[in-house]
PDB file of N, CA and C in Angstrom:
ATOM      1  N   UNK A   1      59.599 -21.770 -17.300  1.00  0.00           N
ATOM      2  CA  UNK A   1      58.833 -20.437 -17.050  1.00  0.00           C
ATOM      3  C   UNK A   1      60.206 -19.881 -17.889  1.00  0.00           C
ATOM      4  N   UNK A   2      59.167 -18.831 -18.360  1.00  0.00           N
ATOM      5  CA  UNK A   2      59.954 -17.319 -18.807  1.00  0.00           C
ATOM      6  C   UNK A   2      60.026 -16.254 -17.445  1.00  0.00           C
ATOM      7  N   UNK A   3      61.281 -15.874 -17.930  1.00  0.00           N
ATOM      8  CA  UNK A   3      62.353 -14.407 -16.925  1.00  0.00           C
ATOM      9  C   UNK A   3      61.424 -13.772 -16.280  1.00  0.00           C
ATOM     10  N   UNK A   4      60.229 -13.433 -17.453  1.00  0.00           N
ATOM     11  CA  UNK A   4      59.248 -12.347 -17.252  1.00  0.00           C
ATOM     12  C   UNK A   4      58.248 -12.819 -15.980  1.00  0.00           C
ATOM     13  N   UNK A   5      58.148 -14.309 -15.793  1.00  0.00           N
ATOM     14  CA  UNK A   5      57.314 -15.113 -15.049  1.00  0.00           C
ATOM     15  C   UNK A   5      57.695 -15.360 -13.979  1.00  0.00           C
ATOM     16  N   UNK A   6      58.830 -15.653 -13.694  1.00  0.00           N
ATOM     17  CA  UNK A   6      60.297 -16.120 -13.040  1.00  0.00           C
ATOM     18  C   UNK A   6      60.261 -14.394 -11.914  1.00  0.00           C
ATOM     19  N   UNK A   7      60.210 -13.432 -12.764  1.00  0.00           N
ATOM     20  CA  UNK A   7      60.585 -12.445 -12.251  1.00  0.00           C
ATOM     21  C   UNK A   7      59.099 -12.181 -10.944  1.00  0.00           C
ATOM     22  N   UNK A   8      57.743 -12.226 -11.688  1.00  0.00           N
ATOM     23  CA  UNK A   8      56.855 -12.351 -11.164  1.00  0.00           C
ATOM     24  C   UNK A   8      56.132 -12.974  -9.583  1.00  0.00           C
ATOM     25  N   UNK A   9      57.365 -14.353  -9.880  1.00  0.00           N
ATOM     26  CA  UNK A   9      56.913 -15.092  -8.873  1.00  0.00           C
ATOM     27  C   UNK A   9      57.249 -14.047  -7.573  1.00  0.00           C
ATOM     28  N   UNK A  10      58.540 -13.513  -8.084  1.00  0.00           N
ATOM     29  CA  UNK A  10      59.548 -12.757  -7.422  1.00  0.00           C
ATOM     30  C   UNK A  10      58.623 -11.960  -5.987  1.00  0.00           C
ATOM     31  N   UNK A  11      57.525 -11.457  -7.394  1.00  0.00           N
ATOM     32  CA  UNK A  11      57.619 -10.952  -6.306  1.00  0.00           C
ATOM     33  C   UNK A  11      55.857 -11.072  -5.998  1.00  0.00           C
ATOM     34  N   UNK A  12      55.722 -11.353  -5.849  1.00  0.00           N
ATOM     35  CA  UNK A  12      54.374 -12.638  -5.237  1.00  0.00           C
ATOM     36  C   UNK A  12      54.739 -12.330  -4.231  1.00  0.00           C
ATOM     37  N   UNK A  13      55.971 -13.414  -3.843  1.00  0.00           N
ATOM     38  CA  UNK A  13      56.820 -14.235  -2.726  1.00  0.00           C
ATOM     39  C   UNK A  13      56.952 -13.130  -1.770  1.00  0.00           C
ATOM     40  N   UNK A  14      57.392 -12.016  -2.049  1.00  0.00           N
ATOM     41  CA  UNK A  14      57.947 -10.702  -1.456  1.00  0.00           C
ATOM     42  C   UNK A  14      56.385 -10.215  -0.423  1.00  0.00           C
ATOM     43  N   UNK A  15      55.324 -10.020  -1.811  1.00  0.00           N
ATOM     44  CA  UNK A  15      54.301  -9.691  -1.701  1.00  0.00           C
ATOM     45  C   UNK A  15      53.517 -10.198  -0.486  1.00  0.00           C
ATOM     46  N   UNK A  16      53.900 -11.092   0.110  1.00  0.00           N
ATOM     47  CA  UNK A  16      53.284 -12.258   0.911  1.00  0.00           C
ATOM     48  C   UNK A  16      53.832 -11.911   1.318  1.00  0.00           C
ATOM     49  N   UNK A  17      54.858 -11.923   1.868  1.00  0.00           N
ATOM     50  CA  UNK A  17      55.394 -12.079   3.438  1.00  0.00           C
ATOM     51  C   UNK A  17      55.696 -10.946   3.598  1.00  0.00           C
ATOM     52  N   UNK A  18      55.017  -9.402   3.338  1.00  0.00           N
ATOM     53  CA  UNK A  18      54.660  -8.199   3.115  1.00  0.00           C
ATOM     54  C   UNK A  18      53.399  -8.177   3.040  1.00  0.00           C
ATOM     55  N   UNK A  19      52.238  -8.758   3.797  1.00  0.00           N
ATOM     56  CA  UNK A  19      50.801  -8.355   3.780  1.00  0.00           C
ATOM     57  C   UNK A  19      50.587  -6.413   4.455  1.00  0.00           C
ATOM     58  N   UNK A  20      49.499  -6.085   3.444  1.00  0.00           N
ATOM     59  CA  UNK A  20      49.092  -4.789   4.673  1.00  0.00           C
ATOM     60  C   UNK A  20      47.597  -4.915   5.714  1.00  0.00           C
ATOM     61  N   UNK A  21      47.734  -4.227   6.487  1.00  0.00           N
ATOM     62  CA  UNK A  21      46.496  -4.766   7.074  1.00  0.00           C
ATOM     63  C   UNK A  21      45.975  -5.108   6.289  1.00  0.00           C
ATOM     64  N   UNK A  22      45.263  -5.082   5.816  1.00  0.00           N
ATOM     65  CA  UNK A  22      43.592  -4.908   5.648  1.00  0.00           C
ATOM     66  C   UNK A  22      43.487  -6.964   4.205  1.00  0.00           C
ATOM     67  N   UNK A  23      45.230  -6.171   3.706  1.00  0.00           N
ATOM     68  CA  UNK A  23      45.546  -8.363   3.070  1.00  0.00           C
ATOM     69  C   UNK A  23      45.487  -8.962   4.673  1.00  0.00           C
ATOM     70  N   UNK A  24      46.613  -8.962   5.568  1.00  0.00           N
ATOM     71  CA  UNK A  24      46.320  -9.081   6.717  1.00  0.00           C
ATOM     72  C   UNK A  24      45.074  -9.895   6.951  1.00  0.00           C
ATOM     73  N   UNK A  25      44.335  -8.666   7.583  1.00  0.00           N
ATOM     74  CA  UNK A  25      42.746  -9.149   8.139  1.00  0.00           C
ATOM     75  C   UNK A  25      42.081 -10.562   6.946  1.00  0.00           C
ATOM     76  N   UNK A  26      41.671  -9.774   5.503  1.00  0.00           N
ATOM     77  CA  UNK A  26      40.998 -10.773   4.658  1.00  0.00           C
ATOM     78  C   UNK A  26      41.665 -12.344   4.331  1.00  0.00           C
ATOM     79  N   UNK A  27      43.483 -12.117   4.817  1.00  0.00           N
ATOM     80  CA  UNK A  27      43.788 -13.711   4.831  1.00  0.00           C
ATOM     81  C   UNK A  27      42.927 -14.054   6.575  1.00  0.00           C
ATOM     82  N   UNK A  28      42.945 -13.692   7.092  1.00  0.00           N
ATOM     83  CA  UNK A  28      42.933 -14.552   8.687  1.00  0.00           C
ATOM     84  C   UNK A  28      41.114 -15.065   8.361  1.00  0.00           C
ATOM     85  N   UNK A  29      40.758 -13.629   7.422  1.00  0.00           N
ATOM     86  CA  UNK A  29      39.097 -14.666   6.840  1.00  0.00           C
ATOM     87  C   UNK A  29      39.065 -15.970   5.684  1.00  0.00           C
ATOM     88  N   UNK A  30      40.507 -16.022   5.159  1.00  0.00           N
ATOM     89  CA  UNK A  30      39.774 -17.003   3.774  1.00  0.00           C
ATOM     90  C   UNK A  30      41.041 -18.117   4.305  1.00  0.00           C
ATOM     91  N   UNK A  31      41.481 -17.566   4.870  1.00  0.00           N
ATOM     92  CA  UNK A  31      42.861 -19.207   4.546  1.00  0.00           C
ATOM     93  C   UNK A  31      42.649 -19.844   5.478  1.00  0.00           C
ATOM     94  N   UNK A  32      43.401 -20.919   4.746  1.00  0.00           N
ATOM     95  CA  UNK A  32      42.755 -22.391   6.022  1.00  0.00           C
ATOM     96  C   UNK A  32      41.371 -23.286   5.320  1.00  0.00           C
ATOM     97  N   UNK A  33      40.411 -22.896   4.119  1.00  0.00           N
ATOM     98  CA  UNK A  33      39.599 -22.913   3.677  1.00  0.00           C
ATOM     99  C   UNK A  33      38.296 -22.396   4.999  1.00  0.00           C
ATOM    100  N   UNK A  34      38.365 -21.170   5.581  1.00  0.00           N
ATOM    101  CA  UNK A  34      38.008 -20.844   6.620  1.00  0.00           C
ATOM    102  C   UNK A  34      36.616 -20.692   5.770  1.00  0.00           C
ATOM    103  N   UNK A  35      36.705 -20.064   4.664  1.00  0.00           N
ATOM    104  CA  UNK A  35      35.089 -19.863   3.850  1.00  0.00           C
ATOM    105  C   UNK A  35      34.430 -20.153   3.016  1.00  0.00           C
ATOM    106  N   UNK A  36      33.521 -20.675   3.884  1.00  0.00           N
ATOM    107  CA  UNK A  36      32.550 -22.211   3.162  1.00  0.00           C
ATOM    108  C   UNK A  36      33.870 -23.233   2.080  1.00  0.00           C
ATOM    109  N   UNK A  37      34.390 -23.657   2.867  1.00  0.00           N
ATOM    110  CA  UNK A  37      35.515 -24.558   2.684  1.00  0.00           C
ATOM    111  C   UNK A  37      36.819 -24.514   1.451  1.00  0.00           C
ATOM    112  N   UNK A  38      36.631 -23.214   1.135  1.00  0.00           N
ATOM    113  CA  UNK A  38      36.709 -22.642  -0.617  1.00  0.00           C
ATOM    114  C   UNK A  38      38.191 -22.557   0.184  1.00  0.00           C
ATOM    115  N   UNK A  39      39.458 -22.967  -1.128  1.00  0.00           N
ATOM    116  CA  UNK A  39      41.121 -22.234  -0.409  1.00  0.00           C
ATOM    117  C   UNK A  39      41.445 -21.535  -1.139  1.00  0.00           C
ATOM    118  N   UNK A  40      42.113 -20.235  -0.889  1.00  0.00           N
ATOM    119  CA  UNK A  40      42.432 -19.608  -1.574  1.00  0.00           C
ATOM    120  C   UNK A  40      43.665 -19.294  -1.327  1.00  0.00           C
ATOM    121  N   UNK A  41      44.691 -18.762  -2.456  1.00  0.00           N
ATOM    122  CA  UNK A  41      45.612 -18.174  -1.986  1.00  0.00           C
ATOM    123  C   UNK A  41      45.874 -16.346  -2.086  1.00  0.00           C
ATOM    124  N   UNK A  42      46.551 -16.504  -1.719  1.00  0.00           N
ATOM    125  CA  UNK A  42      47.434 -15.593  -1.906  1.00  0.00           C
ATOM    126  C   UNK A  42      48.172 -14.904  -2.937  1.00  0.00           C
ATOM    127  N   UNK A  43      48.593 -13.649  -3.228  1.00  0.00           N
ATOM    128  CA  UNK A  43      49.110 -12.799  -4.517  1.00  0.00           C
ATOM    129  C   UNK A  43      49.897 -14.442  -5.616  1.00  0.00           C
ATOM    130  N   UNK A  44      48.392 -14.849  -6.375  1.00  0.00           N
ATOM    131  CA  UNK A  44      48.878 -15.581  -7.439  1.00  0.00           C
ATOM    132  C   UNK A  44      49.173 -14.774  -8.680  1.00  0.00           C
ATOM    133  N   UNK A  45      50.014 -15.498  -9.087  1.00  0.00           N
ATOM    134  CA  UNK A  45      50.563 -15.663 -10.490  1.00  0.00           C
ATOM    135  C   UNK A  45      49.435 -15.929 -12.026  1.00  0.00           C
ATOM    136  N   UNK A  46      48.914 -14.588 -12.422  1.00  0.00           N
ATOM    137  CA  UNK A  46      48.072 -14.758 -12.767  1.00  0.00           C
ATOM    138  C   UNK A  46      48.342 -13.861 -14.436  1.00  0.00           C
ATOM    139  N   UNK A  47      49.994 -13.979 -15.064  1.00  0.00           N
ATOM    140  CA  UNK A  47      49.838 -13.405 -15.852  1.00  0.00           C
ATOM    141  C   UNK A  47      49.273 -12.634 -17.014  1.00  0.00           C
ATOM    142  N   UNK A  48      49.744 -10.676 -16.330  1.00  0.00           N
ATOM    143  CA  UNK A  48      50.646 -10.622 -16.376  1.00  0.00           C
ATOM    144  C   UNK A  48      50.253 -10.541 -15.043  1.00  0.00           C
ATOM    145  N   UNK A  49      49.171 -10.555 -14.178  1.00  0.00           N
ATOM    146  CA  UNK A  49      49.096  -9.871 -13.487  1.00  0.00           C
ATOM    147  C   UNK A  49      49.354 -10.472 -11.479  1.00  0.00           C
ATOM    148  N   UNK A  50      49.574 -10.015 -10.794  1.00  0.00           N
ATOM    149  CA  UNK A  50      49.009 -10.696  -8.767  1.00  0.00           C
ATOM    150  C   UNK A  50      47.497 -10.514  -8.235  1.00  0.00           C
ATOM    151  N   UNK A  51      47.142 -10.876  -8.884  1.00  0.00           N
ATOM    152  CA  UNK A  51      45.650 -10.530  -7.942  1.00  0.00           C
ATOM    153  C   UNK A  51      45.604 -11.236  -6.439  1.00  0.00           C
ATOM    154  N   UNK A  52      45.637  -9.992  -5.366  1.00  0.00           N
ATOM    155  CA  UNK A  52      45.259 -10.270  -3.783  1.00  0.00           C
ATOM    156  C   UNK A  52      44.638 -11.660  -3.255  1.00  0.00           C
ATOM    157  N   UNK A  53      43.819 -12.255  -4.047  1.00  0.00           N
ATOM    158  CA  UNK A  53      43.549 -13.371  -3.735  1.00  0.00           C
ATOM    159  C   UNK A  53      42.823 -13.804  -4.502  1.00  0.00           C
ATOM    160  N   UNK A  54      42.999 -15.586  -4.942  1.00  0.00           N
ATOM    161  CA  UNK A  54      42.240 -16.127  -5.528  1.00  0.00           C
ATOM    162  C   UNK A  54      41.699 -17.593  -5.123  1.00  0.00           C
ATOM    163  N   UNK A  55      40.413 -18.152  -5.791  1.00  0.00           N
ATOM    164  CA  UNK A  55      39.708 -19.301  -4.677  1.00  0.00           C
ATOM    165  C   UNK A  55      39.775 -19.926  -6.433  1.00  0.00           C
ATOM    166  N   UNK A  56      41.226 -21.150  -6.662  1.00  0.00           N
ATOM    167  CA  UNK A  56      41.472 -21.505  -8.245  1.00  0.00           C
ATOM    168  C   UNK A  56      40.304 -21.850  -8.640  1.00  0.00           C
ATOM    169  N   UNK A  57      39.351 -22.826  -7.440  1.00  0.00           N
ATOM    170  CA  UNK A  57      38.763 -23.799  -8.229  1.00  0.00           C
ATOM    171  C   UNK A  57      37.265 -23.760  -8.254  1.00  0.00           C
ATOM    172  N   UNK A  58      37.751 -21.750  -7.726  1.00  0.00           N
ATOM    173  CA  UNK A  58      35.988 -21.348  -7.606  1.00  0.00           C
ATOM    174  C   UNK A  58      35.996 -20.623  -9.538  1.00  0.00           C
ATOM    175  N   UNK A  59      36.895 -19.634  -9.132  1.00  0.00           N
ATOM    176  CA  UNK A  59      38.066 -18.903 -10.989  1.00  0.00           C
ATOM    177  C   UNK A  59      37.147 -17.623  -9.819  1.00  0.00           C
ATOM    178  N   UNK A  60      37.239 -17.229  -8.270  1.00  0.00           N
ATOM    179  CA  UNK A  60      37.125 -16.055  -7.593  1.00  0.00           C
ATOM    180  C   UNK A  60      38.621 -15.004  -7.481  1.00  0.00           C
ATOM    181  N   UNK A  61      38.560 -14.474  -7.897  1.00  0.00           N
ATOM    182  CA  UNK A  61      39.238 -13.333  -8.116  1.00  0.00           C
ATOM    183  C   UNK A  61      38.827 -11.723  -6.857  1.00  0.00           C
ATOM    184  N   UNK A  62      39.675 -12.109  -5.347  1.00  0.00           N
ATOM    185  CA  UNK A  62      39.292 -11.306  -4.733  1.00  0.00           C
ATOM    186  C   UNK A  62      40.382  -9.832  -4.670  1.00  0.00           C
ATOM    187  N   UNK A  63      39.970  -8.335  -4.840  1.00  0.00           N
ATOM    188  CA  UNK A  63      40.740  -7.465  -5.180  1.00  0.00           C
ATOM    189  C   UNK A  63      40.872  -6.766  -4.364  1.00  0.00           C
ATOM    190  N   UNK A  64      41.482  -6.377  -3.035  1.00  0.00           N
ATOM    191  CA  UNK A  64      42.012  -4.905  -1.952  1.00  0.00           C
ATOM    192  C   UNK A  64      42.193  -3.702  -2.824  1.00  0.00           C
ATOM    193  N   UNK A  65      40.872  -2.724  -2.936  1.00  0.00           N
ATOM    194  CA  UNK A  65      41.120  -1.004  -3.092  1.00  0.00           C
ATOM    195  C   UNK A  65      41.440  -0.461  -2.561  1.00  0.00           C
ATOM    196  N   UNK A  66      42.578  -0.111  -2.331  1.00  0.00           N
ATOM    197  CA  UNK A  66      42.655   1.233  -1.503  1.00  0.00           C
ATOM    198  C   UNK A  66      43.356   2.942  -1.238  1.00  0.00           C
ATOM    199  N   UNK A  67      43.716   3.328  -0.594  1.00  0.00           N
ATOM    200  CA  UNK A  67      43.308   4.716  -1.250  1.00  0.00           C
ATOM    201  C   UNK A  67      44.028   4.492  -3.281  1.00  0.00           C
ATOM    202  N   UNK A  68      45.385   4.120  -3.225  1.00  0.00           N
ATOM    203  CA  UNK A  68      45.760   4.200  -4.736  1.00  0.00           C
ATOM    204  C   UNK A  68      44.689   4.132  -5.937  1.00  0.00           C
ATOM    205  N   UNK A  69      43.884   3.185  -5.582  1.00  0.00           N
ATOM    206  CA  UNK A  69      42.817   3.111  -6.104  1.00  0.00           C
ATOM    207  C   UNK A  69      41.167   3.823  -6.828  1.00  0.00           C
ATOM    208  N   UNK A  70      41.927   5.311  -6.388  1.00  0.00           N
ATOM    209  CA  UNK A  70      40.963   6.388  -6.751  1.00  0.00           C
ATOM    210  C   UNK A  70      40.519   7.725  -7.541  1.00  0.00           C
ATOM    211  N   UNK A  71      41.701   7.958  -7.801  1.00  0.00           N
ATOM    212  CA  UNK A  71      42.416   8.338  -9.136  1.00  0.00           C
ATOM    213  C   UNK A  71      42.107   7.897 -10.627  1.00  0.00           C
ATOM    214  N   UNK A  72      41.483   8.308 -11.270  1.00  0.00           N
ATOM    215  CA  UNK A  72      41.310   7.980 -12.768  1.00  0.00           C
ATOM    216  C   UNK A  72      42.288   7.620 -13.761  1.00  0.00           C
ATOM    217  N   UNK A  73      42.969   7.334 -13.089  1.00  0.00           N
ATOM    218  CA  UNK A  73      44.396   6.417 -13.831  1.00  0.00           C
ATOM    219  C   UNK A  73      44.089   5.136 -13.241  1.00  0.00           C
ATOM    220  N   UNK A  74      43.569   5.515 -12.071  1.00  0.00           N
ATOM    221  CA  UNK A  74      43.844   3.547 -10.901  1.00  0.00           C
ATOM    222  C   UNK A  74      43.179   3.338 -11.645  1.00  0.00           C
ATOM    223  N   UNK A  75      41.131   4.038 -11.504  1.00  0.00           N
ATOM    224  CA  UNK A  75      40.451   3.152 -12.070  1.00  0.00           C
ATOM    225  C   UNK A  75      39.790   2.854 -13.290  1.00  0.00           C
ATOM    226  N   UNK A  76      40.397   3.431 -14.076  1.00  0.00           N
ATOM    227  CA  UNK A  76      41.110   3.243 -15.944  1.00  0.00           C
ATOM    228  C   UNK A  76      42.213   1.646 -15.845  1.00  0.00           C
ATOM    229  N   UNK A  77      43.209   0.752 -14.824  1.00  0.00           N
ATOM    230  CA  UNK A  77      43.337   0.122 -14.912  1.00  0.00           C
ATOM    231  C   UNK A  77      42.952  -0.037 -14.705  1.00  0.00           C
ATOM    232  N   UNK A  78      42.170  -0.156 -13.696  1.00  0.00           N
ATOM    233  CA  UNK A  78      41.721  -1.228 -12.893  1.00  0.00           C
ATOM    234  C   UNK A  78      40.297  -1.918 -13.625  1.00  0.00           C
ATOM    235  N   UNK A  79      40.232  -1.616 -14.427  1.00  0.00           N
ATOM    236  CA  UNK A  79      38.304  -2.180 -15.461  1.00  0.00           C
ATOM    237  C   UNK A  79      39.517  -2.338 -16.257  1.00  0.00           C
ATOM    238  N   UNK A  80      40.838  -2.135 -17.097  1.00  0.00           N
ATOM    239  CA  UNK A  80      41.513  -3.122 -18.410  1.00  0.00           C
ATOM    240  C   UNK A  80      41.607  -3.940 -17.046  1.00  0.00           C
ATOM    241  N   UNK A  81      42.279  -4.084 -16.316  1.00  0.00           N
ATOM    242  CA  UNK A  81      42.341  -5.417 -15.607  1.00  0.00           C
ATOM    243  C   UNK A  81      42.167  -6.463 -15.154  1.00  0.00           C
ATOM    244  N   UNK A  82      40.279  -6.189 -14.081  1.00  0.00           N
ATOM    245  CA  UNK A  82      39.866  -6.681 -14.380  1.00  0.00           C
ATOM    246  C   UNK A  82      38.515  -6.765 -15.945  1.00  0.00           C
ATOM    247  N   UNK A  83      38.746  -6.637 -16.594  1.00  0.00           N
ATOM    248  CA  UNK A  83      38.637  -6.996 -17.849  1.00  0.00           C
ATOM    249  C   UNK A  83      38.602  -8.598 -18.366  1.00  0.00           C
ATOM    250  N   UNK A  84      40.384  -7.688 -18.717  1.00  0.00           N
ATOM    251  CA  UNK A  84      41.254  -8.800 -19.293  1.00  0.00           C
ATOM    252  C   UNK A  84      41.382 -10.491 -17.897  1.00  0.00           C
ATOM    253  N   UNK A  85      41.241  -9.965 -16.841  1.00  0.00           N
ATOM    254  CA  UNK A  85      40.639 -11.986 -16.711  1.00  0.00           C
ATOM    255  C   UNK A  85      39.487 -11.939 -16.454  1.00  0.00           C
ATOM    256  N   UNK A  86      38.369 -10.946 -16.416  1.00  0.00           N
ATOM    257  CA  UNK A  86      36.887 -11.846 -16.688  1.00  0.00           C
ATOM    258  C   UNK A  86      37.247 -13.009 -17.648  1.00  0.00           C
ATOM    259  N   UNK A  87      37.631 -12.230 -19.304  1.00  0.00           N
ATOM    260  CA  UNK A  87      38.123 -12.659 -20.261  1.00  0.00           C
ATOM    261  C   UNK A  87      38.425 -13.750 -20.101  1.00  0.00           C
ATOM    262  N   UNK A  88      39.606 -14.353 -19.387  1.00  0.00           N
ATOM    263  CA  UNK A  88      40.032 -15.470 -19.144  1.00  0.00           C
ATOM    264  C   UNK A  88      39.364 -16.222 -18.324  1.00  0.00           C
ATOM    265  N   UNK A  89      38.263 -15.768 -17.626  1.00  0.00           N
ATOM    266  CA  UNK A  89      37.736 -16.705 -17.631  1.00  0.00           C
ATOM    267  C   UNK A  89      36.769 -16.888 -15.899  1.00  0.00           C
ATOM    268  N   UNK A  90      37.776 -15.584 -15.117  1.00  0.00           N
ATOM    269  CA  UNK A  90      37.421 -15.596 -13.748  1.00  0.00           C
ATOM    270  C   UNK A  90      37.279 -13.899 -13.702  1.00  0.00           C
ATOM    271  N   UNK A  91      36.169 -14.740 -11.783  1.00  0.00           N
ATOM    272  CA  UNK A  91      35.613 -13.814 -12.217  1.00  0.00           C
ATOM    273  C   UNK A  91      35.928 -12.521 -10.559  1.00  0.00           C
ATOM    274  N   UNK A  92      35.451 -11.300 -10.915  1.00  0.00           N
ATOM    275  CA  UNK A  92      36.809 -10.729 -10.056  1.00  0.00           C
ATOM    276  C   UNK A  92      35.906  -9.472  -8.677  1.00  0.00           C
ATOM    277  N   UNK A  93      35.975  -9.728  -7.811  1.00  0.00           N
ATOM    278  CA  UNK A  93      35.113  -8.819  -6.822  1.00  0.00           C
ATOM    279  C   UNK A  93      35.759  -8.163  -5.597  1.00  0.00           C
ATOM    280  N   UNK A  94      35.880  -6.697  -6.258  1.00  0.00           N
ATOM    281  CA  UNK A  94      36.726  -5.480  -5.488  1.00  0.00           C
ATOM    282  C   UNK A  94      35.148  -5.541  -4.425  1.00  0.00           C
ATOM    283  N   UNK A  95      36.869  -5.512  -2.912  1.00  0.00           N
ATOM    284  CA  UNK A  95      36.739  -4.727  -1.945  1.00  0.00           C
ATOM    285  C   UNK A  95      37.674  -4.116  -0.954  1.00  0.00           C
ATOM    286  N   UNK A  96      36.476  -2.667  -1.387  1.00  0.00           N
ATOM    287  CA  UNK A  96      37.622  -1.488   0.076  1.00  0.00           C
ATOM    288  C   UNK A  96      38.254  -1.957   0.497  1.00  0.00           C
ATOM    289  N   UNK A  97      39.123  -1.709   0.956  1.00  0.00           N
ATOM    290  CA  UNK A  97      40.678  -2.091   2.154  1.00  0.00           C
ATOM    291  C   UNK A  97      39.274  -1.326   3.943  1.00  0.00           C
ATOM    292  N   UNK A  98      38.706   0.264   3.428  1.00  0.00           N
ATOM    293  CA  UNK A  98      38.143  -0.274   4.783  1.00  0.00           C
ATOM    294  C   UNK A  98      37.122  -0.977   5.838  1.00  0.00           C
ATOM    295  N   UNK A  99      36.292  -1.543   4.241  1.00  0.00           N
ATOM    296  CA  UNK A  99      35.374  -2.394   4.776  1.00  0.00           C
ATOM    297  C   UNK A  99      35.070  -3.139   5.841  1.00  0.00           C
ATOM    298  N   UNK A 100      36.973  -3.934   5.043  1.00  0.00           N
ATOM    299  CA  UNK A 100      37.683  -4.972   5.514  1.00  0.00           C
ATOM    300  C   UNK A 100      38.160  -4.660   6.962  1.00  0.00           C
ATOM    301  N   UNK A 101      38.822  -3.609   7.491  1.00  0.00           N
ATOM    302  CA  UNK A 101      38.772  -3.377   8.632  1.00  0.00           C
ATOM    303  C   UNK A 101      37.597  -3.476   9.671  1.00  0.00           C
ATOM    304  N   UNK A 102      36.900  -2.470   8.280  1.00  0.00           N
ATOM    305  CA  UNK A 102      35.691  -2.595   9.852  1.00  0.00           C
ATOM    306  C   UNK A 102      34.304  -3.071   9.405  1.00  0.00           C
ATOM    307  N   UNK A 103      33.925  -4.191   9.087  1.00  0.00           N
ATOM    308  CA  UNK A 103      33.452  -4.859   7.891  1.00  0.00           C
ATOM    309  C   UNK A 103      33.544  -6.436   7.876  1.00  0.00           C
ATOM    310  N   UNK A 104      34.473  -6.809   8.579  1.00  0.00           N
ATOM    311  CA  UNK A 104      34.857  -7.797   8.464  1.00  0.00           C
ATOM    312  C   UNK A 104      33.492  -9.174   8.052  1.00  0.00           C
ATOM    313  N   UNK A 105      32.433  -9.203   8.807  1.00  0.00           N
ATOM    314  CA  UNK A 105      31.680 -10.127   8.733  1.00  0.00           C
ATOM    315  C   UNK A 105      31.060  -9.835   7.368  1.00  0.00           C
ATOM    316  N   UNK A 106      30.720  -8.561   7.062  1.00  0.00           N
ATOM    317  CA  UNK A 106      29.739  -8.354   6.288  1.00  0.00           C
ATOM    318  C   UNK A 106      30.599  -8.451   4.491  1.00  0.00           C
ATOM    319  N   UNK A 107      32.489  -8.675   4.728  1.00  0.00           N
ATOM    320  CA  UNK A 107      33.206  -9.120   3.983  1.00  0.00           C
ATOM    321  C   UNK A 107      33.004 -10.719   3.426  1.00  0.00           C
ATOM    322  N   UNK A 108      33.000 -10.751   5.228  1.00  0.00           N
ATOM    323  CA  UNK A 108      32.761 -13.169   4.773  1.00  0.00           C
ATOM    324  C   UNK A 108      31.576 -12.963   3.689  1.00  0.00           C
ATOM    325  N   UNK A 109      30.303 -12.443   4.158  1.00  0.00           N
ATOM    326  CA  UNK A 109      29.631 -12.486   3.460  1.00  0.00           C
ATOM    327  C   UNK A 109      29.344 -12.366   1.580  1.00  0.00           C
ATOM    328  N   UNK A 110      30.058 -10.576   1.884  1.00  0.00           N
ATOM    329  CA  UNK A 110      30.002 -10.774   0.540  1.00  0.00           C
ATOM    330  C   UNK A 110      30.845 -11.682  -0.331  1.00  0.00           C
ATOM    331  N   UNK A 111      31.813 -12.315  -0.230  1.00  0.00           N
ATOM    332  CA  UNK A 111      32.459 -13.763  -0.522  1.00  0.00           C
ATOM    333  C   UNK A 111      31.896 -14.701  -1.007  1.00  0.00           C
ATOM    334  N   UNK A 112      30.878 -14.937   0.574  1.00  0.00           N
ATOM    335  CA  UNK A 112      29.855 -15.878   0.188  1.00  0.00           C
ATOM    336  C   UNK A 112      29.184 -16.151  -0.663  1.00  0.00           C
ATOM    337  N   UNK A 113      28.504 -15.233  -0.697  1.00  0.00           N
ATOM    338  CA  UNK A 113      27.758 -14.581  -1.535  1.00  0.00           C
ATOM    339  C   UNK A 113      28.651 -15.190  -2.928  1.00  0.00           C
ATOM    340  N   UNK A 114      29.408 -14.264  -3.097  1.00  0.00           N
ATOM    341  CA  UNK A 114      30.451 -14.474  -4.984  1.00  0.00           C
ATOM    342  C   UNK A 114      30.390 -15.928  -5.316  1.00  0.00           C
ATOM    343  N   UNK A 115      30.497 -17.144  -4.281  1.00  0.00           N
ATOM    344  CA  UNK A 115      31.420 -17.770  -4.126  1.00  0.00           C
ATOM    345  C   UNK A 115      29.788 -18.916  -4.352  1.00  0.00           C
ATOM    346  N   UNK A 116      29.198 -18.159  -4.238  1.00  0.00           N
ATOM    347  CA  UNK A 116      27.490 -19.007  -4.228  1.00  0.00           C
ATOM    348  C   UNK A 116      27.522 -20.401  -2.939  1.00  0.00           C
ATOM    349  N   UNK A 117      27.641 -19.609  -1.737  1.00  0.00           N
ATOM    350  CA  UNK A 117      28.244 -20.513  -0.518  1.00  0.00           C
ATOM    351  C   UNK A 117      26.737 -20.230   0.266  1.00  0.00           C
ATOM    352  N   UNK A 118      26.158 -20.703   0.928  1.00  0.00           N
ATOM    353  CA  UNK A 118      25.481 -20.095   2.090  1.00  0.00           C
ATOM    354  C   UNK A 118      26.075 -19.463   3.379  1.00  0.00           C
ATOM    355  N   UNK A 119      25.780 -18.790   4.323  1.00  0.00           N
ATOM    356  CA  UNK A 119      26.512 -18.348   5.354  1.00  0.00           C
ATOM    357  C   UNK A 119      25.342 -18.659   6.779  1.00  0.00           C
ATOM    358  N   UNK A 120      26.214 -18.530   8.182  1.00  0.00           N
ATOM    359  CA  UNK A 120      25.361 -18.738   8.814  1.00  0.00           C
ATOM    360  C   UNK A 120      24.881 -17.525   9.620  1.00  0.00           C
TER     361      UNK A 120
END
């Protein structure tokens, strides 16, 4: 593994130890195969990116978007990032932080639909 990837792995470990409230709420929804029996991981290293959550078996990335994602520069970066990940065979689902905090059931349904799974 290159030094660059080692640095990404270190940042990923730090991010996993310091989840934002929205990340913690989403992790409570998807962890331990709670959502459709699909395993999700946090801060998956996908050089040069660290997606918030990934279901590797389903090639689905879930990105949480907070206030910092509203500027034109951030939106352009997010679009490039999404395009790169999609080019690499991933599907990217972007969810606003406030939706996770105010409508966790709706977020769970959205992810299940992206996974092609039924919900109760």
